[in-house]
Protein backbone atom coordinates (compact mmCIF):
# COMPACT_ATOMS: atom_id res chain seq x y z
CA UNK A 1 -5.82 6.24 -21.12
CA UNK A 2 -2.36 6.14 -19.90
CA UNK A 3 -1.70 3.60 -16.99
CA UNK A 4 1.20 3.06 -14.68
CA UNK A 5 3.63 0.51 -15.77
CA UNK A 6 3.45 -2.87 -13.91
CA UNK A 7 -0.04 -2.23 -12.60
CA UNK A 8 -1.80 -5.28 -11.18
CA UNK A 9 -5.17 -6.66 -12.17
CA UNK A 10 -7.11 -4.50 -9.76
CA UNK A 11 -5.50 -1.31 -11.14
CA UNK A 12 -6.38 -2.37 -14.77
CA UNK A 13 -9.99 -2.93 -13.86
CA UNK A 14 -10.07 0.55 -12.10
CA UNK A 15 -8.61 2.06 -15.42
CA UNK A 16 -11.33 0.65 -17.44
CA UNK A 17 -14.08 1.64 -15.13
CA UNK A 18 -12.45 5.27 -14.89
CA UNK A 19 -12.48 5.65 -18.58
CA UNK A 20 -16.25 5.52 -18.77
CA UNK A 21 -16.09 3.89 -22.20
CA UNK A 22 -18.24 0.87 -21.55
CA UNK A 23 -21.13 3.18 -20.48
CA UNK A 24 -20.17 6.41 -22.19
CA UNK A 25 -23.86 6.93 -23.22
CA UNK A 26 -25.35 6.15 -19.96
CA UNK A 27 -25.78 9.16 -17.65
CA UNK A 28 -23.85 8.32 -14.32
CA UNK A 29 -25.52 8.79 -11.00
CA UNK A 30 -23.70 11.16 -8.40
CA UNK A 31 -22.31 8.14 -6.67
CA UNK A 32 -20.95 6.51 -9.94
CA UNK A 33 -19.54 9.90 -10.99
CA UNK A 34 -17.77 10.15 -7.70
CA UNK A 35 -16.14 6.61 -7.96
CA UNK A 36 -15.06 7.45 -11.45
CA UNK A 37 -13.34 10.62 -10.40
CA UNK A 38 -11.65 8.86 -7.42
CA UNK A 39 -10.32 6.21 -9.79
CA UNK A 40 -9.10 8.79 -12.35
CA UNK A 41 -7.53 10.70 -9.58
CA UNK A 42 -5.73 7.62 -8.06
CA UNK A 43 -4.17 6.92 -11.47
CA UNK A 44 -3.09 10.50 -11.97
CA UNK A 45 -1.70 10.99 -8.43
CA UNK A 46 0.25 7.72 -8.96
CA UNK A 47 1.64 8.91 -12.34
CA UNK A 48 2.49 12.52 -11.45
CA UNK A 49 2.25 13.09 -7.73
CA UNK A 50 0.07 15.74 -5.82
CA UNK A 51 1.83 18.84 -7.12
CA UNK A 52 1.83 17.89 -10.72
CA UNK A 53 -1.75 16.74 -10.79
CA UNK A 54 -4.45 19.18 -11.90
CA UNK A 55 -8.20 19.28 -11.56
CA UNK A 56 -8.19 20.24 -15.18
CA UNK A 57 -6.64 16.87 -16.19
CA UNK A 58 -9.06 14.91 -13.85
CA UNK A 59 -11.99 16.64 -15.33
CA UNK A 60 -10.52 16.07 -19.06
CA UNK A 61 -10.08 12.31 -18.44
CA UNK A 62 -13.61 12.09 -16.87
CA UNK A 63 -14.98 14.03 -19.64
CA UNK A 64 -16.77 16.54 -17.29
CA UNK A 65 -16.23 20.12 -16.49
CA UNK A 66 -14.03 21.29 -13.59
CA UNK A 67 -17.05 22.42 -11.44
CA UNK A 68 -18.17 18.81 -11.32
CA UNK A 69 -14.92 17.74 -9.72
CA UNK A 70 -15.20 20.73 -7.32
CA UNK A 71 -18.72 19.86 -6.46
CA UNK A 72 -17.71 16.34 -5.28
CA UNK A 73 -14.45 17.12 -3.58
CA UNK A 74 -14.13 20.89 -3.14
CA UNK A 75 -10.63 20.78 -4.87
CA UNK A 76 -7.58 18.72 -5.46
CA UNK A 77 -6.84 18.43 -1.88
CA UNK A 78 -10.17 16.95 -1.16
CA UNK A 79 -9.84 14.41 -3.86
CA UNK A 80 -6.39 13.51 -2.76
CA UNK A 81 -7.48 12.95 0.80
CA UNK A 82 -10.26 10.62 -0.19
CA UNK A 83 -7.79 8.56 -2.46
CA UNK A 84 -5.17 8.37 0.21
CA UNK A 85 -7.76 7.48 3.00
CA UNK A 86 -8.94 4.55 0.96
CA UNK A 87 -5.39 3.26 0.25
CA UNK A 88 -4.41 3.59 3.91
CA UNK A 89 -7.66 1.61 4.95
CA UNK A 90 -6.89 -1.00 2.15
CA UNK A 91 -3.37 -1.58 3.12
CA UNK A 92 -4.10 -1.79 6.86
CA UNK A 93 -6.91 -4.12 6.32
CA UNK A 94 -4.88 -6.38 4.22
CA UNK A 95 -2.08 -6.71 6.74
CA UNK A 96 -4.41 -7.01 9.74
CA UNK A 97 -6.34 -9.76 8.02
CA UNK A 98 -3.11 -11.58 7.12
CA UNK A 99 -1.81 -11.70 10.65
CA UNK A 100 -3.37 -14.95 11.80
CA UNK A 101 -0.38 -17.26 12.64
CA UNK A 102 0.59 -17.94 16.28
CA UNK A 103 4.25 -18.20 15.61
CA UNK A 104 6.18 -14.86 15.50
CA UNK A 105 8.13 -15.88 12.53
CA UNK A 106 5.19 -16.78 10.47
CA UNK A 107 3.49 -13.57 11.45
CA UNK A 108 6.38 -11.71 10.11
CA UNK A 109 6.13 -13.86 6.79
CA UNK A 110 2.49 -12.99 6.62
CA UNK A 111 3.00 -9.30 7.11
CA UNK A 112 5.78 -9.14 4.49
CA UNK A 113 3.65 -11.06 2.02
CA UNK A 114 0.61 -8.88 2.65
CA UNK A 115 2.71 -5.64 1.91
CA UNK A 116 4.24 -7.15 -1.27
CA UNK A 117 0.86 -8.48 -2.41
CA UNK A 118 -0.59 -4.86 -2.06
CA UNK A 119 2.29 -3.66 -4.13
CA UNK A 120 1.86 -6.20 -6.78
CA UNK A 121 -1.83 -5.92 -7.17
CA UNK A 122 -2.51 -2.32 -6.21
CA UNK A 123 0.47 -0.65 -7.63
CA UNK A 124 -1.14 2.65 -8.34
CA UNK A 125 -2.24 2.90 -4.70
CA UNK A 126 1.07 2.19 -3.37
CA UNK A 127 2.69 4.77 -5.74
CA UNK A 128 0.20 7.25 -4.25
CA UNK A 129 1.15 6.44 -0.64
CA UNK A 130 4.96 6.65 -1.22
CA UNK A 131 5.06 9.70 -3.31
CA UNK A 132 5.55 13.04 -1.40
CA UNK A 133 2.24 14.15 0.20
CA UNK A 134 1.25 17.95 0.24
CA UNK A 135 2.53 19.86 3.18
CA UNK A 136 -0.81 20.30 4.69
CA UNK A 137 -1.38 16.50 5.07
CA UNK A 138 -0.28 15.65 8.49
CA UNK A 139 -1.67 12.09 8.33
CA UNK A 140 -2.39 9.59 5.57
CA UNK A 141 1.12 9.54 4.06
CA UNK A 142 3.15 6.31 3.94
CA UNK A 143 5.02 7.16 7.11
CA UNK A 144 1.74 7.32 9.08
CA UNK A 145 0.81 3.99 7.54
CA UNK A 146 3.92 2.47 8.65
CA UNK A 147 3.54 3.82 12.10
CA UNK A 148 0.09 2.15 12.34
CA UNK A 149 1.56 -1.20 11.15
CA UNK A 150 4.46 -0.92 13.49
CA UNK A 151 2.14 -0.36 16.50
CA UNK A 152 0.41 -3.67 15.62
CA UNK A 153 3.75 -5.46 15.41
CA UNK A 154 4.78 -3.78 18.58
CA UNK A 155 2.03 -5.61 20.52
CA UNK A 156 3.13 -8.94 19.05
CA UNK A 157 6.85 -8.37 19.78
CA UNK A 158 6.02 -7.24 23.22
CA UNK A 159 4.39 -10.52 24.16
CA UNK A 160 7.24 -12.49 22.69
CA UNK A 161 9.85 -10.45 24.55
CA UNK A 162 8.17 -11.04 27.90
CA UNK A 163 7.97 -14.69 27.38
CA UNK A 164 11.73 -14.71 26.63
CA UNK A 165 12.61 -12.40 29.40
CA UNK A 166 13.55 -9.53 27.24
CA UNK A 167 12.69 -5.92 28.09
CA UNK A 168 9.30 -5.28 26.48
CA UNK A 169 10.09 -1.57 26.21
CA UNK A 170 12.27 -2.36 23.49
CA UNK A 171 9.43 -3.85 21.38
CA UNK A 172 8.61 -0.33 19.88
CA UNK A 173 12.22 0.06 18.55
CA UNK A 174 12.29 -3.46 16.97
CA UNK A 175 8.92 -3.00 15.56
CA UNK A 176 9.86 0.25 13.76
CA UNK A 177 13.14 -1.50 12.51
CA UNK A 178 11.25 -4.51 11.10
CA UNK A 179 8.53 -2.62 9.41
CA UNK A 180 10.94 -0.12 7.97
CA UNK A 181 13.05 -2.92 6.51
CA UNK A 182 10.12 -4.47 4.84
CA UNK A 183 8.65 -1.31 3.54
CA UNK A 184 11.94 -0.02 2.08
CA UNK A 185 12.44 -3.27 0.40
CA UNK A 186 9.00 -3.12 -1.02
CA UNK A 187 9.71 0.25 -2.52
CA UNK A 188 12.68 -1.15 -4.19
CA UNK A 189 10.85 -4.17 -5.33
CA UNK A 190 7.99 -1.93 -6.82
CA UNK A 191 10.41 -0.92 -9.52
CA UNK A 192 12.48 -4.24 -10.23
CA UNK A 193 9.85 -6.92 -9.59
CA UNK A 194 12.47 -9.44 -9.16
CA UNK A 195 12.82 -11.99 -7.64
CA UNK A 196 9.28 -13.42 -6.96
CA UNK A 197 7.32 -11.87 -3.95
CA UNK A 198 7.61 -15.21 -1.96
CA UNK A 199 11.27 -15.16 -2.42
CA UNK A 200 11.70 -11.71 -1.28
CA UNK A 201 9.57 -12.24 1.77
CA UNK A 202 11.60 -15.34 2.66
CA UNK A 203 14.88 -13.33 2.45
CA UNK A 204 13.39 -10.48 4.49
CA UNK A 205 12.37 -12.89 7.24
CA UNK A 206 15.69 -14.72 6.96
CA UNK A 207 17.53 -11.44 7.90
CA UNK A 208 14.97 -10.42 10.41
CA UNK A 209 14.68 -13.73 12.15
CA UNK A 210 18.24 -15.18 11.90
CA UNK A 211 20.38 -12.16 11.69
CA UNK A 212 23.59 -11.61 9.49
CA UNK A 213 25.44 -14.01 11.53
CA UNK A 214 23.06 -16.99 11.07
CA UNK A 215 21.48 -16.42 7.58
CA UNK A 216 20.24 -19.43 5.76
CA UNK A 217 21.60 -19.83 2.29
CA UNK A 218 18.33 -20.86 0.78
CA UNK A 219 15.33 -19.49 2.95
CA UNK A 220 11.86 -20.40 2.32
CA UNK A 221 8.45 -19.40 3.92
CA UNK A 222 7.00 -21.63 6.67
CA UNK A 223 3.75 -22.10 4.72
CA UNK A 224 5.73 -23.48 1.78
CA UNK A 225 7.50 -25.94 3.81
CA UNK A 226 4.22 -27.50 4.78
CA UNK A 227 3.18 -28.30 1.14
């Protein structure tokens, strides 16, 4: 089965599971079949986008008939919604779990590393999120994910602004700017994969924390300094 170039370990494991080869002679349960179809749909949506993906191809890769796919998801839109919902929750959970530090700079580092780690390990999922979503999808696309992340960052910045005597009403603006900067850099890094994610994160934080007028020539992550 064709896979997306540069996929991480998690994506490769999903590709093997989706192929059905290891257990091709064993009849799948309804739950197993559903998971197989989701894995296959995830890969094809990542490769081709929503519009170019067909139920015929999903069924062909799963070695089932089209009615089986319709039975589980009601159509392409239903399958896409399930795939996107899972990726949204996975990305948000990863970022939320990463935000454990007390210092705002380290929190920014953790958020950047969480997003870059997701891109590296769940490449197909990230490709699904950043591709154009169907017009009927009001939520669940990459923009909505970034808004959710920005709201979390906004609370962190708001508390920091208050402690420094800044206007906390501006926290939303800065949160959108910071999250947007990291996300757009992540889309670029998705294709080039250079330099290492730790270096990318360090330079993102360098710009966000120090500004252009006070850039460090060789920035490093706080956690790396403690080693």
